[in-house]
Amino acid sequence: MMTGRQVAAARKTLGFRWGLNRSLKPVELGLLLHLHSPKPGNSVHNWERGHSQISGPASRAIEAMLDGWIPNDRDKHLGSADE
């Protein structure tokens, strides 16, 4: 299972790897993970701050993205507004 620091590092890595020249926004990662919450970016913030533990499936999905998997709806969620 990923730690909060690893989630934050993954946001940075993926944002630069995917050509954004910045970290992914928490809301972008939350939407890419299809988090079922009114504000999916809040869940990502909570993982990073240690307020809640990341789920196994979310952790595995982030690891898969770091290994090169690109979600088919990635471009739809990049550039999503801040929460």
Protein backbone atom coordinates (compact mmCIF):
# COMPACT_ATOMS: atom_id res chain seq x y z
CA MET A 1 0.00 0.00 0.00
CA MET A 2 1.28 3.47 -0.84
CA THR A 3 2.05 6.10 1.76
CA GLY A 4 0.91 9.70 1.58
CA ARG A 5 4.38 10.79 0.50
CA GLN A 6 4.34 8.23 -2.29
CA VAL A 7 0.96 9.50 -3.51
CA ALA A 8 2.28 13.07 -3.59
CA ALA A 9 5.42 11.93 -5.43
CA ALA A 10 3.27 9.98 -7.90
CA ARG A 11 1.20 13.09 -8.67
CA LYS A 12 4.40 14.97 -9.46
CA THR A 13 5.92 12.17 -11.53
CA LEU A 14 2.76 11.57 -13.57
CA GLY A 15 2.16 15.25 -14.26
CA PHE A 16 5.65 15.72 -15.66
CA ARG A 17 5.68 12.35 -17.44
CA TRP A 18 2.40 13.20 -19.16
CA GLY A 19 3.74 16.54 -20.40
CA LEU A 20 1.92 18.92 -18.07
CA ASN A 21 5.14 20.43 -16.71
CA ARG A 22 3.55 20.35 -13.24
CA SER A 23 2.23 17.88 -10.71
CA LEU A 24 -1.21 16.42 -11.27
CA LYS A 25 -3.77 18.29 -9.21
CA PRO A 26 -5.32 16.21 -6.43
CA VAL A 27 -8.70 16.51 -8.16
CA GLU A 28 -7.21 15.20 -11.42
CA LEU A 29 -5.81 12.12 -9.71
CA GLY A 30 -9.09 11.60 -7.84
CA LEU A 31 -11.06 11.74 -11.09
CA LEU A 32 -8.62 9.41 -12.84
CA LEU A 33 -9.14 6.93 -10.01
CA HIS A 34 -12.94 7.34 -10.32
CA LEU A 35 -13.25 8.14 -6.63
CA HIS A 36 -16.91 8.27 -5.67
CA SER A 37 -17.00 11.42 -3.62
CA PRO A 38 -18.41 14.89 -4.23
CA LYS A 39 -14.83 16.23 -4.09
CA PRO A 40 -12.40 13.49 -5.16
CA GLY A 41 -9.42 15.78 -4.64
CA ASN A 42 -10.18 15.87 -0.91
CA SER A 43 -9.63 12.12 -0.70
CA VAL A 44 -6.22 12.51 -2.31
CA HIS A 45 -5.34 15.34 0.11
CA ASN A 46 -6.42 13.15 3.03
CA TRP A 47 -4.17 10.29 1.87
CA GLU A 48 -1.22 12.64 1.48
CA ARG A 49 -1.72 14.17 4.92
CA GLY A 50 -2.19 10.80 6.61
CA HIS A 51 -5.80 11.56 7.57
CA SER A 52 -6.99 8.43 5.80
CA GLN A 53 -5.40 5.38 4.28
CA ILE A 54 -5.35 4.84 0.55
CA SER A 55 -7.30 1.79 -0.57
CA GLY A 56 -5.57 -1.19 -2.12
CA PRO A 57 -7.23 -0.75 -5.52
CA ALA A 58 -6.38 2.97 -5.68
CA SER A 59 -2.80 2.23 -4.68
CA ARG A 60 -2.50 -0.46 -7.37
CA ALA A 61 -4.00 1.85 -10.01
CA ILE A 62 -1.46 4.58 -9.20
CA GLU A 63 1.34 2.02 -9.34
CA ALA A 64 0.06 0.86 -12.75
CA MET A 65 0.08 4.45 -14.01
CA LEU A 66 3.65 4.83 -12.78
CA ASP A 67 4.50 1.62 -14.66
CA GLY A 68 3.18 3.09 -17.91
CA TRP A 69 -0.54 2.33 -17.98
CA ILE A 70 -2.55 5.28 -19.25
CA PRO A 71 -6.25 5.43 -18.30
CA ASN A 72 -8.41 5.68 -21.42
CA ASP A 73 -10.11 8.79 -19.97
CA ARG A 74 -6.88 10.51 -18.91
CA ASP A 75 -7.13 13.53 -21.21
CA LYS A 76 -10.75 14.12 -20.17
CA HIS A 77 -9.65 14.67 -16.56
CA LEU A 78 -6.44 16.63 -17.04
CA GLY A 79 -6.93 20.32 -16.47
CA SER A 80 -9.96 19.75 -14.23
CA ALA A 81 -10.79 22.75 -12.08
CA ASP A 82 -9.44 23.01 -8.55
CA GLU A 83 -11.80 22.15 -5.74
